[in-house]
Amino acid sequence: MIEVLRYVCRDSIEDELDGDDETLDYLGELIDEFAAEFPGWGVALAPQTFPDPVLWIGPDGTATIMFYEHDAFDRREPLS
């Protein structure tokens, strides 16, 4: 999951952050927090869309579509 979080939160906008070490540090901390909050596996869905959709499969096997926008995954929809 951490690789997906890195892509969605940082790598997909890396060209916009060139030289902005403060923001890169902030995003690194944010990614670590998300990795602790969302253990399990993930896949970035339609990586060119916004907000960024992520399929998260938790350790218990539940699947959720989460949307990354404004440094948060506030919108979440269970996958049935």
N, C-alpha and C. Protein backbone atom coordinates (compact mmCIF):
# COMPACT_ATOMS: atom_id res chain seq x y z
N MET A 1 0.83 -1.19 0.00
CA MET A 1 0.00 0.00 0.00
C MET A 1 0.87 1.26 0.00
N ILE A 2 2.01 1.19 0.65
CA ILE A 2 2.82 2.41 0.75
C ILE A 2 3.29 2.89 -0.63
N GLU A 3 3.54 1.96 -1.55
CA GLU A 3 3.94 2.37 -2.90
C GLU A 3 2.82 3.13 -3.59
N VAL A 4 1.59 2.69 -3.40
CA VAL A 4 0.43 3.38 -3.98
C VAL A 4 0.28 4.76 -3.35
N LEU A 5 0.42 4.84 -2.04
CA LEU A 5 0.31 6.12 -1.35
C LEU A 5 1.39 7.08 -1.81
N ARG A 6 2.61 6.58 -1.99
CA ARG A 6 3.68 7.44 -2.50
C ARG A 6 3.34 7.98 -3.88
N TYR A 7 2.82 7.11 -4.72
CA TYR A 7 2.47 7.56 -6.07
C TYR A 7 1.38 8.64 -6.03
N VAL A 8 0.31 8.34 -5.32
CA VAL A 8 -0.85 9.24 -5.31
C VAL A 8 -0.52 10.57 -4.62
N CYS A 9 0.16 10.51 -3.49
CA CYS A 9 0.40 11.71 -2.70
C CYS A 9 1.60 12.53 -3.18
N ARG A 10 2.61 11.87 -3.78
CA ARG A 10 3.82 12.59 -4.10
C ARG A 10 4.29 12.40 -5.53
N ASP A 11 4.49 11.17 -5.95
CA ASP A 11 5.15 10.92 -7.23
C ASP A 11 4.37 11.45 -8.43
N SER A 12 3.03 11.43 -8.35
CA SER A 12 2.22 11.89 -9.49
C SER A 12 2.33 13.39 -9.71
N ILE A 13 2.81 14.13 -8.70
CA ILE A 13 2.97 15.58 -8.85
C ILE A 13 4.43 16.01 -8.62
N GLU A 14 5.32 15.07 -8.70
CA GLU A 14 6.72 15.33 -8.38
C GLU A 14 7.33 16.46 -9.21
N ASP A 15 6.96 16.55 -10.48
CA ASP A 15 7.52 17.61 -11.32
C ASP A 15 7.11 19.00 -10.82
N GLU A 16 5.98 19.10 -10.15
CA GLU A 16 5.52 20.39 -9.61
C GLU A 16 6.23 20.74 -8.30
N LEU A 17 6.88 19.75 -7.68
CA LEU A 17 7.50 19.94 -6.38
C LEU A 17 9.01 20.07 -6.44
N ASP A 18 9.56 20.14 -7.63
CA ASP A 18 11.01 20.18 -7.81
C ASP A 18 11.61 21.31 -6.98
N GLY A 19 12.47 20.94 -6.04
CA GLY A 19 13.14 21.93 -5.21
C GLY A 19 12.37 22.38 -3.99
N ASP A 20 11.14 21.93 -3.81
CA ASP A 20 10.33 22.33 -2.66
C ASP A 20 10.49 21.29 -1.55
N ASP A 21 11.64 21.35 -0.89
CA ASP A 21 11.96 20.34 0.12
C ASP A 21 10.98 20.32 1.29
N GLU A 22 10.46 21.47 1.66
CA GLU A 22 9.52 21.54 2.78
C GLU A 22 8.24 20.76 2.46
N THR A 23 7.71 20.93 1.26
CA THR A 23 6.50 20.19 0.87
C THR A 23 6.79 18.71 0.72
N LEU A 24 7.95 18.37 0.16
CA LEU A 24 8.32 16.96 0.03
C LEU A 24 8.44 16.29 1.40
N ASP A 25 9.01 16.99 2.37
CA ASP A 25 9.10 16.45 3.73
C ASP A 25 7.71 16.26 4.33
N TYR A 26 6.84 17.26 4.14
CA TYR A 26 5.47 17.17 4.63
C TYR A 26 4.75 15.97 4.02
N LEU A 27 4.89 15.80 2.71
CA LEU A 27 4.22 14.68 2.05
C LEU A 27 4.79 13.34 2.51
N GLY A 28 6.08 13.29 2.79
CA GLY A 28 6.67 12.06 3.33
C GLY A 28 6.05 11.68 4.66
N GLU A 29 5.85 12.67 5.52
CA GLU A 29 5.20 12.41 6.81
C GLU A 29 3.75 12.00 6.62
N LEU A 30 3.07 12.66 5.70
CA LEU A 30 1.67 12.33 5.41
C LEU A 30 1.53 10.90 4.90
N ILE A 31 2.43 10.51 4.02
CA ILE A 31 2.42 9.14 3.49
C ILE A 31 2.61 8.13 4.61
N ASP A 32 3.53 8.39 5.53
CA ASP A 32 3.74 7.49 6.67
C ASP A 32 2.48 7.37 7.53
N GLU A 33 1.80 8.51 7.75
CA GLU A 33 0.56 8.49 8.53
C GLU A 33 -0.52 7.67 7.82
N PHE A 34 -0.66 7.87 6.52
CA PHE A 34 -1.65 7.11 5.76
C PHE A 34 -1.32 5.62 5.76
N ALA A 35 -0.04 5.28 5.64
CA ALA A 35 0.36 3.87 5.64
C ALA A 35 -0.02 3.20 6.96
N ALA A 36 0.09 3.92 8.06
CA ALA A 36 -0.31 3.38 9.35
C ALA A 36 -1.84 3.27 9.45
N GLU A 37 -2.54 4.23 8.86
CA GLU A 37 -4.00 4.24 8.92
C GLU A 37 -4.63 3.22 7.98
N PHE A 38 -3.98 2.96 6.85
CA PHE A 38 -4.53 2.07 5.82
C PHE A 38 -3.58 0.92 5.52
N PRO A 39 -3.41 -0.01 6.48
CA PRO A 39 -2.56 -1.16 6.19
C PRO A 39 -3.25 -2.07 5.18
N GLY A 40 -2.50 -2.86 4.52
CA GLY A 40 -3.08 -3.79 3.54
C GLY A 40 -2.51 -3.53 2.17
N TRP A 41 -3.36 -3.59 1.16
CA TRP A 41 -2.93 -3.50 -0.23
C TRP A 41 -3.75 -2.44 -0.94
N GLY A 42 -3.16 -1.89 -1.98
CA GLY A 42 -3.88 -0.86 -2.72
C GLY A 42 -3.48 -0.81 -4.18
N VAL A 43 -4.34 -0.18 -4.95
CA VAL A 43 -4.11 0.04 -6.37
C VAL A 43 -4.63 1.43 -6.71
N ALA A 44 -3.81 2.19 -7.42
CA ALA A 44 -4.28 3.49 -7.92
C ALA A 44 -5.15 3.23 -9.14
N LEU A 45 -6.37 3.70 -9.09
CA LEU A 45 -7.31 3.52 -10.20
C LEU A 45 -7.33 4.79 -11.04
N ALA A 46 -7.30 4.66 -12.33
CA ALA A 46 -7.38 5.82 -13.23
C ALA A 46 -6.48 6.94 -12.73
N PRO A 47 -5.15 6.72 -12.74
CA PRO A 47 -4.25 7.67 -12.11
C PRO A 47 -4.23 9.06 -12.73
N GLN A 48 -4.85 9.26 -13.85
CA GLN A 48 -4.86 10.59 -14.47
C GLN A 48 -6.12 11.39 -14.13
N THR A 49 -6.95 10.88 -13.21
CA THR A 49 -8.18 11.57 -12.85
C THR A 49 -8.00 12.30 -11.51
N PHE A 50 -8.94 13.19 -11.23
CA PHE A 50 -8.92 13.91 -9.96
C PHE A 50 -10.33 14.00 -9.43
N PRO A 51 -10.58 13.75 -8.16
CA PRO A 51 -9.60 13.33 -7.18
C PRO A 51 -9.09 11.92 -7.48
N ASP A 52 -7.90 11.63 -6.97
CA ASP A 52 -7.24 10.37 -7.25
C ASP A 52 -7.95 9.20 -6.57
N PRO A 53 -8.52 8.26 -7.35
CA PRO A 53 -9.17 7.12 -6.73
C PRO A 53 -8.16 6.00 -6.42
N VAL A 54 -8.34 5.41 -5.25
CA VAL A 54 -7.48 4.31 -4.80
C VAL A 54 -8.38 3.18 -4.31
N LEU A 55 -8.11 1.98 -4.78
CA LEU A 55 -8.77 0.79 -4.24
C LEU A 55 -7.91 0.31 -3.09
N TRP A 56 -8.49 0.29 -1.89
CA TRP A 56 -7.77 -0.18 -0.70
C TRP A 56 -8.42 -1.47 -0.22
N ILE A 57 -7.60 -2.49 -0.05
CA ILE A 57 -8.05 -3.76 0.51
C ILE A 57 -7.38 -3.90 1.86
N GLY A 58 -8.18 -3.82 2.90
CA GLY A 58 -7.65 -3.89 4.26
C GLY A 58 -7.22 -5.29 4.63
N PRO A 59 -6.50 -5.43 5.73
CA PRO A 59 -6.03 -6.75 6.17
C PRO A 59 -7.17 -7.74 6.43
N ASP A 60 -8.37 -7.22 6.71
CA ASP A 60 -9.51 -8.10 6.95
C ASP A 60 -10.24 -8.49 5.66
N GLY A 61 -9.74 -8.00 4.51
CA GLY A 61 -10.34 -8.36 3.23
C GLY A 61 -11.40 -7.40 2.73
N THR A 62 -11.74 -6.39 3.50
CA THR A 62 -12.73 -5.42 3.03
C THR A 62 -12.10 -4.53 1.96
N ALA A 63 -12.90 -4.17 0.99
CA ALA A 63 -12.42 -3.33 -0.12
C ALA A 63 -13.15 -1.99 -0.09
N THR A 64 -12.39 -0.94 -0.27
CA THR A 64 -12.93 0.42 -0.22
C THR A 64 -12.30 1.23 -1.35
N ILE A 65 -13.13 2.05 -2.00
CA ILE A 65 -12.61 3.03 -2.95
C ILE A 65 -12.46 4.33 -2.17
N MET A 66 -11.25 4.86 -2.17
CA MET A 66 -10.98 6.11 -1.46
C MET A 66 -10.52 7.14 -2.49
N PHE A 67 -10.83 8.39 -2.23
CA PHE A 67 -10.47 9.46 -3.15
C PHE A 67 -9.54 10.44 -2.45
N TYR A 68 -8.33 10.60 -3.00
CA TYR A 68 -7.34 11.50 -2.41
C TYR A 68 -7.50 12.89 -2.99
N GLU A 69 -7.77 13.84 -2.10
CA GLU A 69 -7.95 15.22 -2.51
C GLU A 69 -7.63 16.12 -1.32
N HIS A 70 -6.87 17.18 -1.56
CA HIS A 70 -6.51 18.15 -0.52
C HIS A 70 -5.87 17.47 0.68
N ASP A 71 -4.90 16.59 0.42
CA ASP A 71 -4.11 15.92 1.45
C ASP A 71 -4.94 15.03 2.38
N ALA A 72 -6.03 14.49 1.88
CA ALA A 72 -6.88 13.64 2.73
C ALA A 72 -7.64 12.62 1.88
N PHE A 73 -8.07 11.56 2.55
CA PHE A 73 -8.97 10.57 1.96
C PHE A 73 -10.32 10.71 2.64
N ASP A 74 -10.94 11.87 2.53
CA ASP A 74 -12.21 12.12 3.21
C ASP A 74 -13.38 11.36 2.59
N ARG A 75 -13.33 11.17 1.30
CA ARG A 75 -14.44 10.46 0.62
C ARG A 75 -14.04 8.99 0.43
N ARG A 76 -14.86 8.12 1.01
CA ARG A 76 -14.62 6.68 0.93
C ARG A 76 -15.92 5.96 0.63
N GLU A 77 -15.85 5.00 -0.26
CA GLU A 77 -17.05 4.23 -0.63
C GLU A 77 -16.72 2.74 -0.56
N PRO A 78 -17.49 1.98 0.22
CA PRO A 78 -17.22 0.54 0.29
C PRO A 78 -17.48 -0.11 -1.08
N LEU A 79 -16.64 -1.04 -1.42
CA LEU A 79 -16.80 -1.79 -2.66
C LEU A 79 -17.57 -3.06 -2.35
N SER A 80 -18.70 -3.22 -3.03
CA SER A 80 -19.49 -4.43 -2.74
C SER A 80 -19.53 -5.34 -3.94
